[in-house]
Amino acid sequence: MSAAWDELAAAGTATVYEAYGRRGLLDVEWLPLPGGRAVAGPARIALCGQDDNRTVHEVMAHARPGEVLVLTMPQPRPVALLGDLLATQARVRGVAGVLVNASVRDSADLVRSGPAVWTRWRRIRGATKTERGSIDVPVEIGGTTIEPGDVLVLDDDGVTAVARSDVDSALESVRQRLSTEEGLRARWQAGELSYDAYGLRAEDETDERGQR
């Protein structure tokens, strides 16, 4: 399935979101570290205790190459669940990216060494390590429920999720949308305007005549 993940990443979050019927948006502001990266992979989830990252340490033992680690807690707050040392473990485990529904610290080291990280905040406030959370349970982030193994697509525009059972059909829809967009791009490059092609000018002119 890694080829499918790569294809979704190359298409980008906006295209995947639109092709997937405008579903799967994790509708919060994300800070990518570093910018300019796009990744996709199945979710490996760590639901931490509040303000606690013990479960992040545990999830590293479960992480597999190509996965996207999802680090979250009951209420997102600017407490660092990930820093350089944990990111080193993620990199060695071969994860594609890390989604942190909290904060990170050591952000310069994260940018230099990877893996790519998407975080809500950058803060130095550390987490406790006293409460064992849960591994690979459904979590809700930004209005979307993520199940273990659902495919996350992450880039500079944000994050979107595709249900594991929908990956093949979503990928076909993405391919169709990309083909359509390429045709439209050629028309716009030839000088045609979307204002006319979509019939918007005609609608506006009809409205103007009706208001006279």
N, C-alpha and C. Protein backbone atom coordinates (compact mmCIF):
# COMPACT_ATOMS: atom_id res chain seq x y z
N MET A 1 0.82 -1.22 0.00
CA MET A 1 0.00 0.00 0.00
C MET A 1 0.85 1.27 0.00
N SER A 2 2.17 1.13 0.19
CA SER A 2 2.99 2.34 0.29
C SER A 2 2.92 3.18 -0.97
N ALA A 3 2.74 2.54 -2.14
CA ALA A 3 2.62 3.32 -3.37
C ALA A 3 1.36 4.17 -3.34
N ALA A 4 0.28 3.65 -2.79
CA ALA A 4 -0.96 4.42 -2.66
C ALA A 4 -0.77 5.61 -1.73
N TRP A 5 -0.06 5.39 -0.63
CA TRP A 5 0.19 6.50 0.29
C TRP A 5 1.01 7.59 -0.39
N ASP A 6 2.03 7.17 -1.15
CA ASP A 6 2.86 8.15 -1.85
C ASP A 6 2.04 8.94 -2.86
N GLU A 7 1.11 8.27 -3.52
CA GLU A 7 0.27 8.94 -4.51
C GLU A 7 -0.66 9.95 -3.85
N LEU A 8 -1.21 9.59 -2.71
CA LEU A 8 -2.06 10.53 -1.98
C LEU A 8 -1.26 11.73 -1.49
N ALA A 9 -0.05 11.48 -1.00
CA ALA A 9 0.80 12.59 -0.54
C ALA A 9 1.12 13.53 -1.69
N ALA A 10 1.44 12.97 -2.85
CA ALA A 10 1.77 13.80 -4.01
C ALA A 10 0.58 14.61 -4.48
N ALA A 11 -0.62 14.06 -4.35
CA ALA A 11 -1.82 14.80 -4.76
C ALA A 11 -2.07 15.99 -3.85
N GLY A 12 -1.76 15.86 -2.57
CA GLY A 12 -1.92 16.96 -1.62
C GLY A 12 -3.23 16.90 -0.87
N THR A 13 -3.23 17.53 0.29
CA THR A 13 -4.38 17.45 1.18
C THR A 13 -5.64 18.06 0.58
N ALA A 14 -5.50 19.19 -0.11
CA ALA A 14 -6.69 19.85 -0.65
C ALA A 14 -7.37 18.97 -1.70
N THR A 15 -6.56 18.38 -2.58
CA THR A 15 -7.13 17.52 -3.62
C THR A 15 -7.76 16.28 -3.00
N VAL A 16 -7.08 15.67 -2.04
CA VAL A 16 -7.64 14.48 -1.39
C VAL A 16 -8.95 14.81 -0.69
N TYR A 17 -8.96 15.91 0.03
CA TYR A 17 -10.17 16.33 0.75
C TYR A 17 -11.34 16.55 -0.20
N GLU A 18 -11.11 17.25 -1.30
CA GLU A 18 -12.18 17.51 -2.26
C GLU A 18 -12.63 16.21 -2.94
N ALA A 19 -11.67 15.40 -3.36
CA ALA A 19 -12.01 14.16 -4.06
C ALA A 19 -12.72 13.17 -3.15
N TYR A 20 -12.48 13.27 -1.86
CA TYR A 20 -13.08 12.37 -0.87
C TYR A 20 -14.44 12.89 -0.39
N GLY A 21 -15.01 13.80 -1.15
CA GLY A 21 -16.32 14.32 -0.80
C GLY A 21 -16.30 15.32 0.33
N ARG A 22 -15.19 16.07 0.44
CA ARG A 22 -15.02 17.05 1.51
C ARG A 22 -15.20 16.42 2.88
N ARG A 23 -14.66 15.24 3.02
CA ARG A 23 -14.65 14.53 4.30
C ARG A 23 -13.22 14.41 4.80
N GLY A 24 -13.09 14.19 6.10
CA GLY A 24 -11.79 13.85 6.67
C GLY A 24 -10.93 15.00 7.12
N LEU A 25 -11.40 16.24 7.02
CA LEU A 25 -10.59 17.39 7.39
C LEU A 25 -10.36 17.43 8.90
N LEU A 26 -9.12 17.56 9.32
CA LEU A 26 -8.79 17.83 10.71
C LEU A 26 -8.72 19.35 10.85
N ASP A 27 -9.85 19.92 11.20
CA ASP A 27 -10.08 21.35 11.02
C ASP A 27 -9.56 22.19 12.19
N VAL A 28 -8.24 22.17 12.33
CA VAL A 28 -7.55 23.06 13.26
C VAL A 28 -6.28 23.55 12.56
N GLU A 29 -5.63 24.54 13.14
CA GLU A 29 -4.42 25.09 12.56
C GLU A 29 -3.23 24.20 12.92
N TRP A 30 -2.45 23.80 11.89
CA TRP A 30 -1.28 22.96 12.11
C TRP A 30 -0.02 23.71 11.70
N LEU A 31 1.04 23.50 12.44
CA LEU A 31 2.35 24.05 12.12
C LEU A 31 3.25 22.91 11.64
N PRO A 32 3.60 22.90 10.34
CA PRO A 32 4.49 21.85 9.85
C PRO A 32 5.95 22.17 10.13
N LEU A 33 6.69 21.17 10.60
CA LEU A 33 8.12 21.30 10.88
C LEU A 33 8.85 20.16 10.18
N PRO A 34 9.61 20.42 9.12
CA PRO A 34 9.73 21.70 8.43
C PRO A 34 8.59 21.88 7.45
N GLY A 35 8.43 23.06 6.91
CA GLY A 35 7.47 23.26 5.83
C GLY A 35 7.97 22.65 4.53
N GLY A 36 7.06 22.56 3.59
CA GLY A 36 7.43 22.06 2.27
C GLY A 36 7.46 20.56 2.13
N ARG A 37 6.99 19.84 3.12
CA ARG A 37 6.96 18.38 3.06
C ARG A 37 5.52 17.91 2.89
N ALA A 38 5.37 16.75 2.27
CA ALA A 38 4.06 16.10 2.15
C ALA A 38 4.26 14.62 2.42
N VAL A 39 3.48 14.07 3.34
CA VAL A 39 3.58 12.66 3.66
C VAL A 39 2.18 12.08 3.80
N ALA A 40 2.10 10.78 3.70
CA ALA A 40 0.85 10.05 3.95
C ALA A 40 1.21 8.68 4.49
N GLY A 41 0.35 8.17 5.35
CA GLY A 41 0.58 6.83 5.89
C GLY A 41 -0.51 6.48 6.88
N PRO A 42 -0.56 5.20 7.27
CA PRO A 42 -1.58 4.75 8.22
C PRO A 42 -1.31 5.27 9.62
N ALA A 43 -2.38 5.57 10.33
CA ALA A 43 -2.28 6.16 11.66
C ALA A 43 -1.94 5.10 12.71
N ARG A 44 -0.93 5.43 13.50
CA ARG A 44 -0.61 4.69 14.72
C ARG A 44 -0.87 5.66 15.87
N ILE A 45 -1.83 5.36 16.71
CA ILE A 45 -2.40 6.35 17.62
C ILE A 45 -1.93 6.15 19.06
N ALA A 46 -1.56 7.27 19.69
CA ALA A 46 -1.28 7.29 21.12
C ALA A 46 -2.21 8.31 21.77
N LEU A 47 -3.18 7.81 22.53
CA LEU A 47 -4.06 8.68 23.31
C LEU A 47 -3.48 8.80 24.71
N CYS A 48 -2.86 9.93 24.96
CA CYS A 48 -2.14 10.14 26.22
C CYS A 48 -3.09 10.57 27.32
N GLY A 49 -2.62 10.44 28.57
CA GLY A 49 -3.30 11.10 29.66
C GLY A 49 -3.14 12.60 29.51
N GLN A 50 -4.00 13.34 30.19
CA GLN A 50 -3.95 14.79 30.06
C GLN A 50 -2.60 15.34 30.52
N ASP A 51 -1.94 16.08 29.62
CA ASP A 51 -0.65 16.73 29.91
C ASP A 51 0.43 15.72 30.26
N ASP A 52 0.34 14.52 29.72
CA ASP A 52 1.24 13.42 30.07
C ASP A 52 1.68 12.74 28.77
N ASN A 53 2.97 12.36 28.68
CA ASN A 53 3.43 11.71 27.45
C ASN A 53 4.00 10.32 27.67
N ARG A 54 3.64 9.68 28.76
CA ARG A 54 4.09 8.30 28.96
C ARG A 54 3.71 7.42 27.77
N THR A 55 2.52 7.62 27.22
CA THR A 55 2.04 6.78 26.12
C THR A 55 2.82 7.02 24.84
N VAL A 56 3.42 8.20 24.69
CA VAL A 56 4.28 8.44 23.52
C VAL A 56 5.49 7.52 23.58
N HIS A 57 6.05 7.35 24.75
CA HIS A 57 7.17 6.41 24.90
C HIS A 57 6.72 4.99 24.55
N GLU A 58 5.52 4.62 24.99
CA GLU A 58 5.02 3.27 24.71
C GLU A 58 4.75 3.05 23.23
N VAL A 59 4.20 4.07 22.55
CA VAL A 59 3.82 3.86 21.15
C VAL A 59 5.04 3.65 20.26
N MET A 60 6.20 4.13 20.69
CA MET A 60 7.40 3.93 19.87
C MET A 60 7.71 2.44 19.70
N ALA A 61 7.32 1.63 20.68
CA ALA A 61 7.55 0.18 20.56
C ALA A 61 6.62 -0.47 19.54
N HIS A 62 5.55 0.23 19.16
CA HIS A 62 4.58 -0.30 18.20
C HIS A 62 4.76 0.29 16.80
N ALA A 63 5.50 1.37 16.69
CA ALA A 63 5.60 2.10 15.41
C ALA A 63 6.29 1.25 14.35
N ARG A 64 5.78 1.39 13.13
CA ARG A 64 6.33 0.65 11.99
C ARG A 64 6.67 1.63 10.87
N PRO A 65 7.59 1.23 9.99
CA PRO A 65 7.97 2.12 8.89
C PRO A 65 6.78 2.55 8.05
N GLY A 66 6.77 3.83 7.70
CA GLY A 66 5.72 4.37 6.85
C GLY A 66 4.49 4.86 7.57
N GLU A 67 4.40 4.61 8.88
CA GLU A 67 3.22 5.05 9.62
C GLU A 67 3.31 6.52 10.00
N VAL A 68 2.14 7.08 10.32
CA VAL A 68 2.06 8.42 10.88
C VAL A 68 1.64 8.28 12.34
N LEU A 69 2.49 8.73 13.23
CA LEU A 69 2.15 8.69 14.65
C LEU A 69 1.18 9.82 14.97
N VAL A 70 0.11 9.50 15.66
CA VAL A 70 -0.87 10.49 16.10
C VAL A 70 -0.78 10.58 17.61
N LEU A 71 -0.30 11.71 18.10
CA LEU A 71 -0.11 11.92 19.53
C LEU A 71 -1.13 12.95 20.00
N THR A 72 -2.01 12.53 20.89
CA THR A 72 -3.09 13.41 21.31
C THR A 72 -3.42 13.13 22.76
N MET A 73 -4.31 13.94 23.32
CA MET A 73 -4.76 13.75 24.70
C MET A 73 -6.19 14.27 24.81
N PRO A 74 -6.87 14.05 25.91
CA PRO A 74 -8.29 14.40 25.97
C PRO A 74 -8.60 15.84 25.59
N GLN A 75 -7.79 16.79 26.06
CA GLN A 75 -7.98 18.19 25.71
C GLN A 75 -6.65 18.72 25.18
N PRO A 76 -6.61 19.16 23.91
CA PRO A 76 -5.35 19.67 23.39
C PRO A 76 -4.91 20.93 24.14
N ARG A 77 -3.67 20.91 24.60
CA ARG A 77 -3.12 22.06 25.30
C ARG A 77 -1.65 22.20 24.93
N PRO A 78 -1.07 23.38 25.12
CA PRO A 78 0.32 23.61 24.73
C PRO A 78 1.31 23.01 25.72
N VAL A 79 1.26 21.69 25.82
CA VAL A 79 2.19 20.90 26.63
C VAL A 79 2.95 20.00 25.65
N ALA A 80 4.27 19.95 25.79
CA ALA A 80 5.09 19.24 24.81
C ALA A 80 5.00 17.73 24.99
N LEU A 81 4.40 17.08 24.02
CA LEU A 81 4.37 15.62 24.02
C LEU A 81 5.56 15.02 23.28
N LEU A 82 6.26 15.84 22.49
CA LEU A 82 7.36 15.33 21.66
C LEU A 82 8.52 16.32 21.69
N GLY A 83 9.71 15.77 21.83
CA GLY A 83 10.93 16.54 21.71
C GLY A 83 11.96 15.76 20.92
N ASP A 84 13.20 16.23 20.94
CA ASP A 84 14.24 15.65 20.10
C ASP A 84 14.48 14.17 20.38
N LEU A 85 14.50 13.78 21.64
CA LEU A 85 14.85 12.39 21.95
C LEU A 85 13.77 11.41 21.50
N LEU A 86 12.52 11.76 21.71
CA LEU A 86 11.44 10.90 21.21
C LEU A 86 11.40 10.92 19.68
N ALA A 87 11.65 12.08 19.07
CA ALA A 87 11.67 12.16 17.61
C ALA A 87 12.78 11.30 17.04
N THR A 88 13.90 11.19 17.76
CA THR A 88 14.99 10.31 17.31
C THR A 88 14.51 8.88 17.23
N GLN A 89 13.75 8.44 18.23
CA GLN A 89 13.21 7.08 18.19
C GLN A 89 12.27 6.90 17.01
N ALA A 90 11.42 7.90 16.77
CA ALA A 90 10.49 7.82 15.64
C ALA A 90 11.23 7.72 14.32
N ARG A 91 12.29 8.50 14.20
CA ARG A 91 13.08 8.46 12.96
C ARG A 91 13.71 7.08 12.76
N VAL A 92 14.28 6.53 13.81
CA VAL A 92 14.91 5.21 13.72
C VAL A 92 13.88 4.14 13.39
N ARG A 93 12.66 4.32 13.89
CA ARG A 93 11.59 3.35 13.59
C ARG A 93 11.06 3.50 12.17
N GLY A 94 11.45 4.58 11.48
CA GLY A 94 11.07 4.74 10.08
C GLY A 94 9.70 5.34 9.86
N VAL A 95 9.15 6.05 10.86
CA VAL A 95 7.81 6.61 10.66
C VAL A 95 7.86 7.71 9.60
N ALA A 96 6.75 7.88 8.90
CA ALA A 96 6.68 8.88 7.83
C ALA A 96 6.49 10.28 8.38
N GLY A 97 5.78 10.40 9.49
CA GLY A 97 5.50 11.72 10.06
C GLY A 97 4.87 11.55 11.42
N VAL A 98 4.78 12.68 12.13
CA VAL A 98 4.18 12.69 13.46
C VAL A 98 3.19 13.84 13.54
N LEU A 99 1.98 13.53 13.96
CA LEU A 99 0.94 14.53 14.17
C LEU A 99 0.77 14.72 15.67
N VAL A 100 1.00 15.93 16.14
CA VAL A 100 0.99 16.20 17.58
C VAL A 100 -0.14 17.17 17.89
N ASN A 101 -1.20 16.65 18.48
CA ASN A 101 -2.34 17.48 18.85
C ASN A 101 -2.09 18.09 20.23
N ALA A 102 -0.95 18.74 20.33
CA ALA A 102 -0.47 19.39 21.55
C ALA A 102 0.72 20.23 21.08
N SER A 103 1.76 20.34 21.90
CA SER A 103 2.93 21.09 21.45
C SER A 103 4.13 20.18 21.34
N VAL A 104 5.18 20.71 20.70
CA VAL A 104 6.49 20.07 20.65
C VAL A 104 7.51 21.06 21.21
N ARG A 105 8.67 20.54 21.55
CA ARG A 105 9.80 21.41 21.86
C ARG A 105 11.03 20.86 21.16
N ASP A 106 12.16 21.55 21.29
CA ASP A 106 13.35 21.22 20.50
C ASP A 106 13.04 21.33 19.01
N SER A 107 12.25 22.33 18.65
CA SER A 107 11.74 22.40 17.28
C SER A 107 12.85 22.54 16.25
N ALA A 108 13.93 23.25 16.57
CA ALA A 108 15.03 23.36 15.60
C ALA A 108 15.65 21.99 15.33
N ASP A 109 15.78 21.18 16.37
CA ASP A 109 16.31 19.83 16.18
C ASP A 109 15.35 18.97 15.37
N LEU A 110 14.06 19.15 15.59
CA LEU A 110 13.08 18.39 14.82
C LEU A 110 13.19 18.74 13.34
N VAL A 111 13.37 20.00 13.03
CA VAL A 111 13.49 20.43 11.64
C VAL A 111 14.74 19.83 11.01
N ARG A 112 15.85 19.84 11.75
CA ARG A 112 17.11 19.34 11.20
C ARG A 112 17.11 17.83 11.01
N SER A 113 16.53 17.11 11.95
CA SER A 113 16.73 15.66 11.99
C SER A 113 15.52 14.84 11.55
N GLY A 114 14.32 15.43 11.57
CA GLY A 114 13.14 14.68 11.19
C GLY A 114 12.71 13.71 12.28
N PRO A 115 11.65 12.95 12.04
CA PRO A 115 10.81 12.99 10.84
C PRO A 115 9.96 14.25 10.78
N ALA A 116 9.24 14.44 9.67
CA ALA A 116 8.37 15.60 9.54
C ALA A 116 7.30 15.57 10.63
N VAL A 117 7.06 16.73 11.21
CA VAL A 117 6.12 16.86 12.33
C VAL A 117 5.09 17.92 12.01
N TRP A 118 3.85 17.64 12.35
CA TRP A 118 2.77 18.65 12.31
C TRP A 118 2.27 18.81 13.74
N THR A 119 2.33 20.03 14.25
CA THR A 119 2.00 20.27 15.65
C THR A 119 1.05 21.45 15.79
N ARG A 120 0.32 21.47 16.89
CA ARG A 120 -0.56 22.61 17.18
C ARG A 120 0.25 23.80 17.67
N TRP A 121 1.26 23.52 18.52
CA TRP A 121 2.02 24.61 19.13
C TRP A 121 3.48 24.21 19.27
N ARG A 122 4.32 25.22 19.54
CA ARG A 122 5.68 25.02 20.02
C ARG A 122 5.78 25.65 21.41
N ARG A 123 6.04 24.84 22.41
CA ARG A 123 6.15 25.33 23.78
C ARG A 123 7.18 24.48 24.52
N ILE A 124 7.86 25.08 25.49
CA ILE A 124 8.86 24.32 26.24
C ILE A 124 8.27 23.59 27.44
N ARG A 125 7.02 23.88 27.77
CA ARG A 125 6.41 23.23 28.94
C ARG A 125 6.36 21.72 28.76
N GLY A 126 6.99 20.98 29.68
CA GLY A 126 7.08 19.54 29.54
C GLY A 126 5.87 18.80 30.10
N ALA A 127 5.74 17.55 29.67
CA ALA A 127 4.65 16.69 30.12
C ALA A 127 5.12 15.82 31.29
N THR A 128 4.17 15.31 32.04
CA THR A 128 4.48 14.31 33.05
C THR A 128 4.58 12.94 32.39
N LYS A 129 4.97 11.94 33.17
CA LYS A 129 5.09 10.56 32.67
C LYS A 129 4.49 9.61 33.70
N THR A 130 3.31 9.93 34.16
CA THR A 130 2.72 9.17 35.27
C THR A 130 1.46 8.40 34.90
N GLU A 131 0.82 8.77 33.80
CA GLU A 131 -0.48 8.17 33.48
C GLU A 131 -0.39 7.38 32.18
N ARG A 132 -0.69 6.12 32.26
CA ARG A 132 -0.69 5.30 31.05
C ARG A 132 -1.99 5.52 30.29
N GLY A 133 -1.86 5.91 29.03
CA GLY A 133 -3.02 6.12 28.18
C GLY A 133 -3.37 4.88 27.39
N SER A 134 -3.76 5.06 26.14
CA SER A 134 -4.20 3.94 25.31
C SER A 134 -3.52 4.01 23.94
N ILE A 135 -3.24 2.84 23.40
CA ILE A 135 -2.61 2.72 22.07
C ILE A 135 -3.66 2.21 21.09
N ASP A 136 -3.68 2.83 19.92
CA ASP A 136 -4.52 2.39 18.80
C ASP A 136 -5.99 2.29 19.19
N VAL A 137 -6.51 3.41 19.66
CA VAL A 137 -7.95 3.59 19.89
C VAL A 137 -8.42 4.75 19.03
N PRO A 138 -9.70 4.78 18.67
CA PRO A 138 -10.19 5.92 17.88
C PRO A 138 -10.06 7.22 18.67
N VAL A 139 -9.71 8.29 17.96
CA VAL A 139 -9.63 9.62 18.57
C VAL A 139 -10.29 10.62 17.63
N GLU A 140 -10.77 11.70 18.21
CA GLU A 140 -11.39 12.76 17.42
C GLU A 140 -10.49 14.00 17.48
N ILE A 141 -10.13 14.50 16.31
CA ILE A 141 -9.29 15.69 16.21
C ILE A 141 -9.88 16.60 15.14
N GLY A 142 -10.15 17.83 15.50
CA GLY A 142 -10.62 18.79 14.51
C GLY A 142 -11.89 18.38 13.81
N GLY A 143 -12.79 17.71 14.53
CA GLY A 143 -14.08 17.33 13.97
C GLY A 143 -14.09 16.03 13.19
N THR A 144 -12.96 15.34 13.12
CA THR A 144 -12.88 14.08 12.39
C THR A 144 -12.40 12.97 13.32
N THR A 145 -13.07 11.83 13.27
CA THR A 145 -12.64 10.67 14.04
C THR A 145 -11.62 9.88 13.23
N ILE A 146 -10.50 9.59 13.85
CA ILE A 146 -9.43 8.81 13.22
C ILE A 146 -9.40 7.44 13.88
N GLU A 147 -9.52 6.41 13.07
CA GLU A 147 -9.41 5.04 13.55
C GLU A 147 -7.98 4.54 13.29
N PRO A 148 -7.49 3.62 14.10
CA PRO A 148 -6.18 3.04 13.81
C PRO A 148 -6.13 2.48 12.39
N GLY A 149 -5.09 2.83 11.66
CA GLY A 149 -4.93 2.35 10.29
C GLY A 149 -5.55 3.24 9.24
N ASP A 150 -6.37 4.21 9.62
CA ASP A 150 -6.83 5.19 8.64
C ASP A 150 -5.62 5.93 8.08
N VAL A 151 -5.71 6.33 6.84
CA VAL A 151 -4.57 6.98 6.19
C VAL A 151 -4.67 8.50 6.37
N LEU A 152 -3.62 9.07 6.91
CA LEU A 152 -3.52 10.52 7.07
C LEU A 152 -2.66 11.09 5.95
N VAL A 153 -3.09 12.22 5.42
CA VAL A 153 -2.33 12.96 4.42
C VAL A 153 -2.01 14.32 5.02
N LEU A 154 -0.74 14.70 4.99
CA LEU A 154 -0.29 15.92 5.67
C LEU A 154 0.61 16.73 4.75
N ASP A 155 0.35 18.03 4.66
CA ASP A 155 1.24 18.93 3.93
C ASP A 155 1.08 20.34 4.48
N ASP A 156 1.60 21.32 3.77
CA ASP A 156 1.57 22.69 4.28
C ASP A 156 0.15 23.24 4.43
N ASP A 157 -0.82 22.67 3.72
CA ASP A 157 -2.19 23.16 3.80
C ASP A 157 -2.95 22.61 5.00
N GLY A 158 -2.47 21.51 5.58
CA GLY A 158 -3.17 20.93 6.72
C GLY A 158 -3.11 19.42 6.72
N VAL A 159 -4.14 18.82 7.28
CA VAL A 159 -4.19 17.37 7.46
C VAL A 159 -5.60 16.88 7.13
N THR A 160 -5.67 15.79 6.39
CA THR A 160 -6.95 15.15 6.12
C THR A 160 -6.80 13.65 6.29
N ALA A 161 -7.90 12.97 6.60
CA ALA A 161 -7.88 11.54 6.87
C ALA A 161 -8.79 10.81 5.89
N VAL A 162 -8.36 9.63 5.48
CA VAL A 162 -9.16 8.74 4.64
C VAL A 162 -9.33 7.43 5.38
N ALA A 163 -10.57 7.00 5.55
CA ALA A 163 -10.82 5.74 6.24
C ALA A 163 -10.08 4.60 5.54
N ARG A 164 -9.55 3.69 6.32
CA ARG A 164 -8.77 2.59 5.76
C ARG A 164 -9.55 1.84 4.68
N SER A 165 -10.85 1.65 4.90
CA SER A 165 -11.66 0.90 3.92
C SER A 165 -11.94 1.69 2.66
N ASP A 166 -11.67 3.00 2.67
CA ASP A 166 -11.98 3.84 1.52
C ASP A 166 -10.76 4.21 0.69
N VAL A 167 -9.58 3.72 1.03
CA VAL A 167 -8.37 4.19 0.37
C VAL A 167 -8.40 3.95 -1.12
N ASP A 168 -8.80 2.76 -1.55
CA ASP A 168 -8.80 2.46 -2.99
C ASP A 168 -9.77 3.35 -3.75
N SER A 169 -10.98 3.50 -3.24
CA SER A 169 -11.96 4.32 -3.94
C SER A 169 -11.58 5.79 -3.88
N ALA A 170 -11.03 6.24 -2.75
CA ALA A 170 -10.60 7.63 -2.65
C ALA A 170 -9.46 7.91 -3.62
N LEU A 171 -8.56 6.97 -3.76
CA LEU A 171 -7.44 7.16 -4.68
C LEU A 171 -7.92 7.27 -6.11
N GLU A 172 -8.91 6.48 -6.48
CA GLU A 172 -9.46 6.58 -7.84
C GLU A 172 -10.12 7.94 -8.04
N SER A 173 -10.83 8.42 -7.04
CA SER A 173 -11.44 9.75 -7.14
C SER A 173 -10.38 10.84 -7.23
N VAL A 174 -9.30 10.68 -6.50
CA VAL A 174 -8.19 11.64 -6.58
C VAL A 174 -7.62 11.67 -8.00
N ARG A 175 -7.41 10.50 -8.59
CA ARG A 175 -6.87 10.46 -9.95
C ARG A 175 -7.80 11.15 -10.93
N GLN A 176 -9.09 10.92 -10.78
CA GLN A 176 -10.05 11.58 -11.67
C GLN A 176 -10.02 13.09 -11.48
N ARG A 177 -9.94 13.53 -10.24
CA ARG A 177 -9.90 14.98 -9.99
C ARG A 177 -8.64 15.61 -10.56
N LEU A 178 -7.52 14.94 -10.41
CA LEU A 178 -6.27 15.47 -10.96
C LEU A 178 -6.34 15.59 -12.48
N SER A 179 -6.96 14.59 -13.12
CA SER A 179 -7.12 14.64 -14.57
C SER A 179 -7.99 15.82 -14.98
N THR A 180 -9.09 16.02 -14.25
CA THR A 180 -9.98 17.15 -14.53
C THR A 180 -9.25 18.48 -14.33
N GLU A 181 -8.50 18.58 -13.24
CA GLU A 181 -7.77 19.82 -12.97
C GLU A 181 -6.72 20.10 -14.03
N GLU A 182 -6.08 19.07 -14.53
CA GLU A 182 -5.08 19.27 -15.58
C GLU A 182 -5.73 19.82 -16.84
N GLY A 183 -6.92 19.30 -17.17
CA GLY A 183 -7.64 19.83 -18.33
C GLY A 183 -8.03 21.29 -18.14
N LEU A 184 -8.51 21.62 -16.94
CA LEU A 184 -8.87 23.01 -16.66
C LEU A 184 -7.64 23.92 -16.70
N ARG A 185 -6.53 23.44 -16.16
CA ARG A 185 -5.31 24.25 -16.16
C ARG A 185 -4.89 24.60 -17.59
N ALA A 186 -5.01 23.64 -18.49
CA ALA A 186 -4.66 23.90 -19.89
C ALA A 186 -5.59 24.96 -20.49
N ARG A 187 -6.86 24.90 -20.14
CA ARG A 187 -7.80 25.91 -20.65
C ARG A 187 -7.50 27.29 -20.09
N TRP A 188 -7.19 27.37 -18.81
CA TRP A 188 -6.89 28.69 -18.22
C TRP A 188 -5.59 29.24 -18.80
N GLN A 189 -4.61 28.37 -19.02
CA GLN A 189 -3.35 28.82 -19.62
C GLN A 189 -3.55 29.32 -21.05
N ALA A 190 -4.59 28.81 -21.72
CA ALA A 190 -4.90 29.27 -23.08
C ALA A 190 -5.70 30.56 -23.07
N GLY A 191 -6.03 31.07 -21.88
CA GLY A 191 -6.70 32.36 -21.78
C GLY A 191 -8.16 32.31 -21.40
N GLU A 192 -8.75 31.13 -21.34
CA GLU A 192 -10.16 31.04 -20.94
C GLU A 192 -10.29 31.40 -19.47
N LEU A 193 -11.44 31.96 -19.11
CA LEU A 193 -11.70 32.36 -17.73
C LEU A 193 -12.71 31.42 -17.08
N SER A 194 -12.43 31.06 -15.85
CA SER A 194 -13.39 30.23 -15.10
C SER A 194 -14.70 30.97 -14.88
N TYR A 195 -14.64 32.29 -14.84
CA TYR A 195 -15.85 33.12 -14.68
C TYR A 195 -16.84 32.81 -15.79
N ASP A 196 -16.34 32.57 -17.00
CA ASP A 196 -17.21 32.21 -18.12
C ASP A 196 -17.48 30.71 -18.19
N ALA A 197 -16.44 29.91 -17.98
CA ALA A 197 -16.58 28.46 -18.13
C ALA A 197 -17.58 27.88 -17.14
N TYR A 198 -17.65 28.46 -15.95
CA TYR A 198 -18.58 27.98 -14.94
C TYR A 198 -19.95 28.66 -15.01
N GLY A 199 -20.13 29.52 -15.99
CA GLY A 199 -21.42 30.18 -16.17
C GLY A 199 -21.70 31.27 -15.16
N LEU A 200 -20.68 31.73 -14.44
CA LEU A 200 -20.90 32.73 -13.40
C LEU A 200 -21.20 34.10 -13.99
N ARG A 201 -20.53 34.44 -15.11
CA ARG A 201 -20.80 35.72 -15.75
C ARG A 201 -22.25 35.79 -16.21
N ALA A 202 -22.72 34.70 -16.85
CA ALA A 202 -24.09 34.69 -17.35
C ALA A 202 -25.09 34.84 -16.20
N GLU A 203 -24.81 34.18 -15.07
CA GLU A 203 -25.70 34.31 -13.91
C GLU A 203 -25.72 35.75 -13.41
N ASP A 204 -24.55 36.36 -13.32
CA ASP A 204 -24.48 37.73 -12.82
C ASP A 204 -25.19 38.70 -13.75
N GLU A 205 -25.03 38.49 -15.05
CA GLU A 205 -25.69 39.38 -16.01
C GLU A 205 -27.20 39.21 -15.95
N THR A 206 -27.66 37.98 -15.73
CA THR A 206 -29.10 37.75 -15.58
C THR A 206 -29.62 38.45 -14.35
N ASP A 207 -28.86 38.37 -13.25
CA ASP A 207 -29.26 39.05 -12.01
C ASP A 207 -29.32 40.56 -12.22
N GLU A 208 -28.34 41.09 -12.92
CA GLU A 208 -28.31 42.54 -13.15
C GLU A 208 -29.51 42.99 -13.97
N ARG A 209 -29.85 42.18 -15.00
CA ARG A 209 -31.02 42.55 -15.83
C ARG A 209 -32.29 42.51 -15.00
N GLY A 210 -32.36 41.48 -14.08
CA GLY A 210 -33.57 41.38 -13.27
C GLY A 210 -33.71 42.48 -12.25
N GLN A 211 -32.62 43.15 -11.92
CA GLN A 211 -32.68 44.22 -10.93
C GLN A 211 -32.97 45.58 -11.55
N ARG A 212 -32.97 45.65 -12.87
CA ARG A 212 -33.24 46.94 -13.52
C ARG A 212 -34.72 47.27 -13.51
